[in-house]
Amino acid sequence: MAIGPTFDPRATTIPVLRYLVAVADHGNFGRAARACSVAQPTLSAQIAQWERRMGVHVFERTNAGVRLTTAGERIVVQAR
């Protein structure tokens, strides 16, 4: 999904930005959650909720982990 019409970076919280960057860095929700000192279900739910609210997919989820979508690459660069 491309960045949708509802995308508003001002509606993004600092913790969600940290979670997005951590998942991008670790390539895995579990390792990212440990690095952020939160439970993996919490991190996953926060990111999924943010993606729905913004109308964008940041990660392509696979059996081997996750990788950034094109939109996700742009978002994570801005988040850093």
N, C-alpha and C. Protein backbone atom coordinates (compact mmCIF):
# COMPACT_ATOMS: atom_id res chain seq x y z
N MET A 1 0.85 -1.16 0.00
CA MET A 1 0.00 0.00 0.00
C MET A 1 0.90 1.23 0.00
N ALA A 2 0.63 2.14 -0.88
CA ALA A 2 1.38 3.39 -0.93
C ALA A 2 0.94 4.30 0.21
N ILE A 3 1.69 5.36 0.41
CA ILE A 3 1.28 6.31 1.43
C ILE A 3 -0.08 6.84 1.03
N GLY A 4 -1.04 6.66 1.91
CA GLY A 4 -2.42 6.99 1.60
C GLY A 4 -2.78 8.42 1.94
N PRO A 5 -4.01 8.80 1.60
CA PRO A 5 -4.45 10.16 1.83
C PRO A 5 -4.57 10.52 3.31
N THR A 6 -4.59 9.52 4.20
CA THR A 6 -4.71 9.80 5.62
C THR A 6 -3.36 9.93 6.31
N PHE A 7 -2.27 9.77 5.58
CA PHE A 7 -0.94 9.80 6.19
C PHE A 7 -0.66 11.19 6.74
N ASP A 8 -0.38 11.25 8.03
CA ASP A 8 -0.06 12.52 8.69
C ASP A 8 1.03 12.26 9.71
N PRO A 9 2.29 12.58 9.38
CA PRO A 9 3.38 12.29 10.31
C PRO A 9 3.24 13.00 11.65
N ARG A 10 2.48 14.07 11.70
CA ARG A 10 2.28 14.78 12.98
C ARG A 10 1.46 13.95 13.95
N ALA A 11 0.74 12.95 13.45
CA ALA A 11 -0.09 12.10 14.30
C ALA A 11 0.70 10.91 14.84
N THR A 12 2.01 10.93 14.67
CA THR A 12 2.86 9.82 15.07
C THR A 12 3.53 10.13 16.40
N THR A 13 3.49 9.16 17.31
CA THR A 13 4.12 9.35 18.62
C THR A 13 5.58 8.91 18.58
N ILE A 14 6.36 9.42 19.50
CA ILE A 14 7.78 9.05 19.60
C ILE A 14 7.95 7.55 19.82
N PRO A 15 7.18 6.91 20.71
CA PRO A 15 7.35 5.46 20.87
C PRO A 15 7.13 4.69 19.56
N VAL A 16 6.13 5.07 18.78
CA VAL A 16 5.89 4.35 17.52
C VAL A 16 7.07 4.56 16.57
N LEU A 17 7.62 5.75 16.53
CA LEU A 17 8.81 5.98 15.69
C LEU A 17 9.96 5.09 16.14
N ARG A 18 10.16 4.98 17.45
CA ARG A 18 11.21 4.10 17.98
C ARG A 18 10.96 2.66 17.57
N TYR A 19 9.70 2.22 17.65
CA TYR A 19 9.35 0.84 17.28
C TYR A 19 9.62 0.60 15.80
N LEU A 20 9.22 1.55 14.94
CA LEU A 20 9.43 1.39 13.50
C LEU A 20 10.92 1.26 13.18
N VAL A 21 11.73 2.12 13.77
CA VAL A 21 13.18 2.07 13.53
C VAL A 21 13.77 0.78 14.08
N ALA A 22 13.33 0.35 15.24
CA ALA A 22 13.87 -0.88 15.84
C ALA A 22 13.54 -2.10 14.98
N VAL A 23 12.32 -2.18 14.48
CA VAL A 23 11.97 -3.32 13.62
C VAL A 23 12.79 -3.26 12.34
N ALA A 24 12.96 -2.09 11.77
CA ALA A 24 13.78 -1.95 10.56
C ALA A 24 15.22 -2.39 10.84
N ASP A 25 15.77 -2.01 11.98
CA ASP A 25 17.15 -2.35 12.33
C ASP A 25 17.32 -3.83 12.62
N HIS A 26 16.35 -4.43 13.31
CA HIS A 26 16.48 -5.82 13.75
C HIS A 26 15.87 -6.82 12.78
N GLY A 27 14.98 -6.37 11.88
CA GLY A 27 14.38 -7.26 10.90
C GLY A 27 13.44 -8.28 11.49
N ASN A 28 13.00 -8.03 12.72
CA ASN A 28 12.20 -9.01 13.45
C ASN A 28 11.47 -8.29 14.57
N PHE A 29 10.18 -8.55 14.72
CA PHE A 29 9.39 -7.87 15.75
C PHE A 29 9.82 -8.28 17.16
N GLY A 30 10.16 -9.54 17.36
CA GLY A 30 10.57 -10.01 18.68
C GLY A 30 11.85 -9.35 19.17
N ARG A 31 12.86 -9.32 18.31
CA ARG A 31 14.14 -8.69 18.69
C ARG A 31 13.96 -7.18 18.89
N ALA A 32 13.14 -6.58 18.04
CA ALA A 32 12.88 -5.14 18.19
C ALA A 32 12.18 -4.85 19.51
N ALA A 33 11.23 -5.69 19.88
CA ALA A 33 10.51 -5.50 21.14
C ALA A 33 11.47 -5.60 22.32
N ARG A 34 12.36 -6.58 22.29
CA ARG A 34 13.34 -6.71 23.37
C ARG A 34 14.23 -5.47 23.43
N ALA A 35 14.65 -4.97 22.29
CA ALA A 35 15.51 -3.78 22.26
C ALA A 35 14.79 -2.55 22.80
N CYS A 36 13.47 -2.52 22.64
CA CYS A 36 12.66 -1.38 23.12
C CYS A 36 12.09 -1.61 24.51
N SER A 37 12.38 -2.77 25.09
CA SER A 37 11.89 -3.14 26.42
C SER A 37 10.36 -3.11 26.51
N VAL A 38 9.71 -3.66 25.48
CA VAL A 38 8.26 -3.81 25.48
C VAL A 38 7.93 -5.24 25.06
N ALA A 39 6.72 -5.67 25.36
CA ALA A 39 6.28 -6.99 24.93
C ALA A 39 6.07 -6.98 23.42
N GLN A 40 6.42 -8.10 22.78
CA GLN A 40 6.28 -8.19 21.33
C GLN A 40 4.84 -7.94 20.86
N PRO A 41 3.81 -8.50 21.54
CA PRO A 41 2.45 -8.21 21.09
C PRO A 41 2.10 -6.73 21.16
N THR A 42 2.63 -6.03 22.15
CA THR A 42 2.38 -4.59 22.28
C THR A 42 3.00 -3.84 21.11
N LEU A 43 4.26 -4.14 20.81
CA LEU A 43 4.95 -3.49 19.70
C LEU A 43 4.22 -3.77 18.39
N SER A 44 3.88 -5.02 18.15
CA SER A 44 3.19 -5.40 16.91
C SER A 44 1.85 -4.69 16.78
N ALA A 45 1.10 -4.65 17.87
CA ALA A 45 -0.22 -4.01 17.84
C ALA A 45 -0.10 -2.51 17.59
N GLN A 46 0.88 -1.87 18.22
CA GLN A 46 1.06 -0.43 18.03
C GLN A 46 1.42 -0.11 16.58
N ILE A 47 2.30 -0.91 15.99
CA ILE A 47 2.68 -0.68 14.59
C ILE A 47 1.50 -0.96 13.67
N ALA A 48 0.78 -2.05 13.89
CA ALA A 48 -0.37 -2.38 13.04
C ALA A 48 -1.44 -1.29 13.12
N GLN A 49 -1.70 -0.81 14.33
CA GLN A 49 -2.68 0.26 14.51
C GLN A 49 -2.23 1.53 13.79
N TRP A 50 -0.97 1.86 13.90
CA TRP A 50 -0.43 3.04 13.23
C TRP A 50 -0.55 2.90 11.71
N GLU A 51 -0.19 1.71 11.19
CA GLU A 51 -0.29 1.48 9.74
C GLU A 51 -1.73 1.67 9.26
N ARG A 52 -2.69 1.13 10.00
CA ARG A 52 -4.10 1.29 9.62
C ARG A 52 -4.52 2.76 9.66
N ARG A 53 -4.15 3.44 10.71
CA ARG A 53 -4.53 4.85 10.86
C ARG A 53 -3.91 5.72 9.77
N MET A 54 -2.68 5.43 9.40
CA MET A 54 -1.98 6.23 8.40
C MET A 54 -2.27 5.79 6.97
N GLY A 55 -2.81 4.59 6.81
CA GLY A 55 -3.10 4.09 5.47
C GLY A 55 -1.87 3.67 4.70
N VAL A 56 -0.89 3.11 5.42
CA VAL A 56 0.38 2.73 4.78
C VAL A 56 0.92 1.46 5.44
N HIS A 57 1.52 0.59 4.62
CA HIS A 57 2.24 -0.57 5.15
C HIS A 57 3.72 -0.21 5.18
N VAL A 58 4.33 -0.37 6.33
CA VAL A 58 5.75 -0.05 6.48
C VAL A 58 6.60 -1.28 6.24
N PHE A 59 6.09 -2.44 6.64
CA PHE A 59 6.85 -3.68 6.55
C PHE A 59 6.12 -4.72 5.72
N GLU A 60 6.92 -5.48 4.98
CA GLU A 60 6.41 -6.68 4.32
C GLU A 60 6.78 -7.82 5.25
N ARG A 61 5.76 -8.51 5.74
CA ARG A 61 5.99 -9.58 6.70
C ARG A 61 6.15 -10.90 5.95
N THR A 62 7.23 -11.64 6.28
CA THR A 62 7.50 -12.93 5.67
C THR A 62 7.80 -13.94 6.76
N ASN A 63 7.91 -15.20 6.38
CA ASN A 63 8.27 -16.23 7.36
C ASN A 63 9.68 -16.01 7.91
N ALA A 64 10.53 -15.37 7.13
CA ALA A 64 11.92 -15.14 7.54
C ALA A 64 12.10 -13.85 8.34
N GLY A 65 11.06 -13.08 8.50
CA GLY A 65 11.16 -11.81 9.23
C GLY A 65 10.39 -10.73 8.50
N VAL A 66 10.90 -9.53 8.55
CA VAL A 66 10.23 -8.41 7.88
C VAL A 66 11.26 -7.62 7.08
N ARG A 67 10.76 -6.93 6.08
CA ARG A 67 11.60 -5.98 5.36
C ARG A 67 10.76 -4.77 5.04
N LEU A 68 11.42 -3.66 4.85
CA LEU A 68 10.73 -2.40 4.61
C LEU A 68 10.11 -2.37 3.21
N THR A 69 8.92 -1.81 3.13
CA THR A 69 8.32 -1.50 1.84
C THR A 69 8.98 -0.21 1.34
N THR A 70 8.67 0.17 0.12
CA THR A 70 9.20 1.43 -0.40
C THR A 70 8.76 2.60 0.47
N ALA A 71 7.49 2.62 0.83
CA ALA A 71 6.98 3.67 1.72
C ALA A 71 7.67 3.58 3.08
N GLY A 72 7.87 2.36 3.57
CA GLY A 72 8.53 2.16 4.85
C GLY A 72 9.95 2.71 4.87
N GLU A 73 10.66 2.54 3.76
CA GLU A 73 12.02 3.08 3.68
C GLU A 73 12.01 4.59 3.87
N ARG A 74 11.07 5.26 3.21
CA ARG A 74 10.99 6.72 3.34
C ARG A 74 10.61 7.13 4.76
N ILE A 75 9.68 6.40 5.35
CA ILE A 75 9.22 6.72 6.70
C ILE A 75 10.33 6.53 7.72
N VAL A 76 11.06 5.43 7.62
CA VAL A 76 12.13 5.15 8.58
C VAL A 76 13.27 6.17 8.44
N VAL A 77 13.58 6.58 7.23
CA VAL A 77 14.60 7.62 7.05
C VAL A 77 14.18 8.88 7.79
N GLN A 78 12.93 9.27 7.65
CA GLN A 78 12.44 10.46 8.34
C GLN A 78 12.40 10.25 9.86
N ALA A 79 12.08 9.03 10.29
CA ALA A 79 12.00 8.73 11.73
C ALA A 79 13.37 8.81 12.39
N ARG A 80 14.40 8.46 11.65
CA ARG A 80 15.76 8.49 12.23
C ARG A 80 16.16 9.92 12.50
